[in-house]
Amino acid sequence: MDWTQHIDGYCERLSPVYWAEPINALTNAAFLIAAFVMWRRVRGQGAPLAMALVVILAGIGVGSYLFHTHAQVWAALADVAPILLFILVYIFAVNRDVWGLRPIHAFGLTTLFFPYAALTLPVFQLVPGLGGSAAYAPVPLLILIYAGLLRHKQPQTARGLAIGAVILIASITFRAVDAPICMRLPMGTHFMWHILNAIMLGWMIEVYRRAIVANRFASASERSS
């Protein structure tokens, strides 16, 4: 594999130069802003996985910036790897701290994401217009599945997850239409994928933070009663 092979996948990029995608590159600052905001909200609350998610969120911004400036195979890996890591850590966190599963069971359930994605991805690839964005489509569906399963156990968390899924669907839509509307909008729409994803990922961390705070409060109330 040629790790330095050039990748031209977005409307804004017209050449292999470093600043060929200035808007796509600079809007990755949204991930860093979201990470900074959530760092201030989760620090000191005894939530190591929430802190880990914040760090990964910042890493998503850095990886995406590298990809939209260097636009090479190695940078593409730096772009997608933190996203996958965020998904896996978040699923584990929800399994352990929201569902209350033992760590080993939470981990085992988390690994099911891979066969789930393998089964659902071919279905989304059949959806007209999704194109390469089909790879991300299983994620909002999974979030909605979790929201549905949690609607009675933790309705506030379920509502928060559903909101996150809706934001992600909007984000994927902007990613998918980047190429089709390129002739009409030379800057493309991929930058909105960055902005909405940053909002969504920050929000998902907040949903998790609120859930563990609520669980701690409920546990303390039970012990004192």
Protein backbone atom coordinates (compact mmCIF):
# COMPACT_ATOMS: atom_id res chain seq x y z
CA MET A 1 0.00 0.00 0.00
CA ASP A 2 1.22 3.48 -0.89
CA TRP A 3 0.66 5.46 2.30
CA THR A 4 1.41 8.73 0.49
CA GLN A 5 -1.07 8.22 -2.34
CA HIS A 6 -3.16 11.34 -2.94
CA ILE A 7 -6.89 11.19 -2.16
CA ASP A 8 -9.31 13.59 -3.83
CA GLY A 9 -12.67 12.87 -2.24
CA TYR A 10 -14.33 16.21 -1.61
CA CYS A 11 -15.80 19.03 -3.64
CA GLU A 12 -13.54 21.73 -2.22
CA ARG A 13 -10.27 19.97 -3.18
CA LEU A 14 -9.10 20.92 -6.66
CA SER A 15 -5.38 20.08 -6.29
CA PRO A 16 -3.00 18.10 -4.03
CA VAL A 17 -1.60 21.22 -2.31
CA TYR A 18 -1.74 21.56 1.50
CA TRP A 19 -4.39 24.31 1.64
CA ALA A 20 -6.60 22.97 -1.17
CA GLU A 21 -9.42 22.51 1.38
CA PRO A 22 -9.21 25.57 3.65
CA ILE A 23 -12.84 25.46 4.80
CA ASN A 24 -12.85 21.72 5.38
CA ALA A 25 -9.53 22.00 7.23
CA LEU A 26 -10.31 24.97 9.44
CA THR A 27 -13.80 23.83 10.47
CA ASN A 28 -12.11 20.99 12.35
CA ALA A 29 -11.57 23.62 15.03
CA ALA A 30 -15.19 22.85 15.97
CA PHE A 31 -14.05 19.51 17.38
CA LEU A 32 -11.41 21.21 19.52
CA ILE A 33 -13.93 23.77 20.77
CA ALA A 34 -16.40 21.02 21.64
CA ALA A 35 -13.64 19.08 23.41
CA PHE A 36 -12.65 22.16 25.43
CA VAL A 37 -16.26 22.82 26.47
CA MET A 38 -16.83 19.22 27.51
CA TRP A 39 -13.48 18.99 29.30
CA ARG A 40 -14.63 21.78 31.57
CA ARG A 41 -17.93 20.00 32.18
CA VAL A 42 -16.59 16.53 32.97
CA ARG A 43 -13.34 17.23 34.81
CA GLY A 44 -13.38 16.58 38.52
CA GLN A 45 -16.52 14.44 38.34
CA GLY A 46 -14.84 11.08 38.66
CA ALA A 47 -15.78 10.04 35.13
CA PRO A 48 -12.62 8.68 33.47
CA LEU A 49 -14.42 7.35 30.41
CA ALA A 50 -16.03 10.74 29.84
CA MET A 51 -12.58 12.31 30.03
CA ALA A 52 -11.28 9.70 27.59
CA LEU A 53 -14.10 10.55 25.19
CA VAL A 54 -13.16 14.23 25.38
CA VAL A 55 -9.55 13.41 24.50
CA ILE A 56 -10.69 11.23 21.59
CA LEU A 57 -12.99 14.05 20.44
CA ALA A 58 -9.99 16.36 20.23
CA GLY A 59 -8.13 13.60 18.38
CA ILE A 60 -10.94 13.43 15.82
CA GLY A 61 -10.39 17.12 15.08
CA VAL A 62 -6.64 16.67 14.69
CA GLY A 63 -7.01 13.57 12.51
CA SER A 64 -9.58 15.19 10.26
CA TYR A 65 -7.41 18.30 9.92
CA LEU A 66 -4.48 16.15 8.81
CA PHE A 67 -6.64 14.44 6.24
CA HIS A 68 -8.07 17.63 4.76
CA THR A 69 -4.61 19.17 4.45
CA HIS A 70 -2.34 16.25 3.49
CA ALA A 71 -5.09 14.20 1.76
CA GLN A 72 -3.04 11.01 1.72
CA VAL A 73 -3.74 7.42 2.74
CA TRP A 74 -1.97 7.69 6.11
CA ALA A 75 -3.95 10.84 6.89
CA ALA A 76 -7.19 9.06 5.99
CA LEU A 77 -6.34 6.45 8.63
CA ALA A 78 -5.64 9.24 11.14
CA ASP A 79 -9.08 10.60 10.24
CA VAL A 80 -11.19 7.47 10.69
CA ALA A 81 -9.35 5.70 13.54
CA PRO A 82 -10.34 8.20 16.28
CA ILE A 83 -13.96 8.10 15.07
CA LEU A 84 -14.08 4.32 15.41
CA LEU A 85 -12.38 4.54 18.81
CA PHE A 86 -14.96 7.09 20.01
CA ILE A 87 -17.81 4.82 18.90
CA LEU A 88 -16.38 1.78 20.70
CA VAL A 89 -15.54 3.62 23.93
CA TYR A 90 -18.97 5.26 23.98
CA ILE A 91 -20.79 1.96 23.48
CA PHE A 92 -18.74 0.39 26.27
CA ALA A 93 -19.39 3.35 28.56
CA VAL A 94 -23.14 3.18 28.02
CA ASN A 95 -23.18 -0.60 28.43
CA ARG A 96 -21.27 -0.39 31.70
CA ASP A 97 -22.48 2.81 33.31
CA VAL A 98 -26.00 3.27 31.94
CA TRP A 99 -27.13 -0.33 31.56
CA GLY A 100 -25.12 -1.33 34.63
CA LEU A 101 -23.40 -4.31 33.02
CA ARG A 102 -20.24 -5.83 34.39
CA PRO A 103 -17.14 -4.64 32.49
CA ILE A 104 -16.56 -8.02 30.83
CA HIS A 105 -20.18 -8.14 29.65
CA ALA A 106 -20.07 -4.50 28.55
CA PHE A 107 -16.94 -5.25 26.54
CA GLY A 108 -18.45 -8.34 24.96
CA LEU A 109 -21.56 -6.43 23.92
CA THR A 110 -19.37 -3.66 22.51
CA THR A 111 -17.55 -6.09 20.20
CA LEU A 112 -20.90 -6.90 18.58
CA PHE A 113 -20.64 -3.53 16.86
CA PHE A 114 -18.41 -5.12 14.21
CA PRO A 115 -20.86 -7.83 13.05
CA TYR A 116 -23.70 -5.30 13.40
CA ALA A 117 -21.88 -2.87 11.08
CA ALA A 118 -21.00 -5.68 8.67
CA LEU A 119 -24.66 -6.68 8.43
CA THR A 120 -26.19 -3.22 8.14
CA LEU A 121 -23.61 -1.50 5.92
CA PRO A 122 -24.59 -3.42 2.74
CA VAL A 123 -28.20 -2.36 3.31
CA PHE A 124 -27.29 1.32 3.59
CA GLN A 125 -25.08 1.02 0.51
CA LEU A 126 -28.26 0.34 -1.45
CA VAL A 127 -29.71 3.72 -0.45
CA PRO A 128 -29.44 6.10 -3.44
CA GLY A 129 -27.30 9.15 -2.82
CA LEU A 130 -25.52 7.95 0.32
CA GLY A 131 -22.36 6.84 -1.48
CA GLY A 132 -19.33 6.67 0.80
CA SER A 133 -21.37 8.14 3.65
CA ALA A 134 -23.18 4.79 3.94
CA ALA A 135 -20.25 3.65 6.12
CA TYR A 136 -21.47 5.98 8.86
CA ALA A 137 -25.20 5.26 8.54
CA PRO A 138 -25.25 2.25 10.91
CA VAL A 139 -24.21 4.54 13.78
CA PRO A 140 -27.34 6.73 14.10
CA LEU A 141 -29.45 3.59 13.72
CA LEU A 142 -27.59 1.98 16.61
CA ILE A 143 -28.03 5.12 18.71
CA LEU A 144 -31.78 5.03 18.02
CA ILE A 145 -31.89 1.34 18.98
CA TYR A 146 -30.25 2.17 22.32
CA ALA A 147 -32.64 5.09 22.78
CA GLY A 148 -35.61 2.82 22.18
CA LEU A 149 -34.36 0.19 24.61
CA LEU A 150 -33.69 2.83 27.28
CA ARG A 151 -36.94 4.76 26.90
CA HIS A 152 -38.52 3.18 30.00
CA LYS A 153 -35.40 2.61 32.10
CA GLN A 154 -33.90 6.08 31.59
CA PRO A 155 -36.21 8.29 29.50
CA GLN A 156 -34.01 11.40 29.77
CA THR A 157 -30.99 9.51 28.51
CA ALA A 158 -33.07 7.94 25.74
CA ARG A 159 -34.27 11.38 24.66
CA GLY A 160 -30.72 12.69 24.65
CA LEU A 161 -29.52 9.78 22.54
CA ALA A 162 -32.36 10.31 20.06
CA ILE A 163 -31.42 13.99 19.72
CA GLY A 164 -27.82 12.95 19.04
CA ALA A 165 -28.99 10.51 16.37
CA VAL A 166 -31.03 13.20 14.62
CA ILE A 167 -28.05 15.58 14.58
CA LEU A 168 -25.86 12.80 13.17
CA ILE A 169 -28.40 12.03 10.44
CA ALA A 170 -28.35 15.69 9.42
CA SER A 171 -24.55 15.60 9.48
CA ILE A 172 -24.40 12.51 7.27
CA THR A 173 -26.82 14.18 4.86
CA PHE A 174 -24.48 17.15 4.42
CA ARG A 175 -21.58 14.74 3.87
CA ALA A 176 -23.50 12.77 1.27
CA VAL A 177 -24.59 15.79 -0.81
CA ASP A 178 -21.10 17.31 -0.97
CA ALA A 179 -20.32 15.84 -4.39
CA PRO A 180 -23.78 16.04 -6.00
CA ILE A 181 -24.12 19.80 -5.47
CA CYS A 182 -20.46 20.59 -6.18
CA MET A 183 -21.20 22.33 -9.48
CA ARG A 184 -23.61 24.71 -7.77
CA LEU A 185 -21.65 25.17 -4.55
CA PRO A 186 -17.88 24.93 -5.19
CA MET A 187 -17.05 25.01 -1.48
CA GLY A 188 -19.17 21.91 -0.98
CA THR A 189 -21.05 20.94 2.18
CA HIS A 190 -18.53 18.66 3.86
CA PHE A 191 -17.64 21.40 6.34
CA MET A 192 -21.12 21.05 7.84
CA TRP A 193 -20.28 17.40 8.56
CA HIS A 194 -17.49 18.71 10.78
CA ILE A 195 -19.57 21.36 12.55
CA LEU A 196 -22.60 19.14 13.19
CA ASN A 197 -20.44 16.18 14.19
CA ALA A 198 -18.58 18.32 16.71
CA ILE A 199 -21.91 19.42 18.19
CA MET A 200 -23.25 15.87 18.17
CA LEU A 201 -20.19 14.27 19.77
CA GLY A 202 -20.02 16.92 22.46
CA TRP A 203 -23.72 16.41 23.09
CA MET A 204 -23.30 12.64 23.31
CA ILE A 205 -20.64 13.09 25.97
CA GLU A 206 -23.01 15.40 27.84
CA VAL A 207 -25.78 12.80 27.62
CA TYR A 208 -23.44 10.22 29.12
CA ARG A 209 -22.29 12.65 31.81
CA ARG A 210 -25.87 13.42 32.84
CA ALA A 211 -26.73 9.73 32.89
CA ILE A 212 -23.94 8.78 35.28
CA VAL A 213 -24.68 11.78 37.51
CA ALA A 214 -28.35 10.74 37.64
CA ASN A 215 -27.39 7.14 38.43
CA ARG A 216 -25.14 8.26 41.26
CA PHE A 217 -27.91 10.42 42.68
CA ALA A 218 -30.38 7.54 42.46
CA SER A 219 -27.94 5.17 44.16
CA ALA A 220 -27.28 7.67 46.96
CA SER A 221 -31.02 8.14 47.47
CA GLU A 222 -31.54 4.40 47.72
CA ARG A 223 -28.78 4.05 50.30
CA SER A 224 -30.15 6.89 52.43
CA SER A 225 -33.75 5.64 52.36
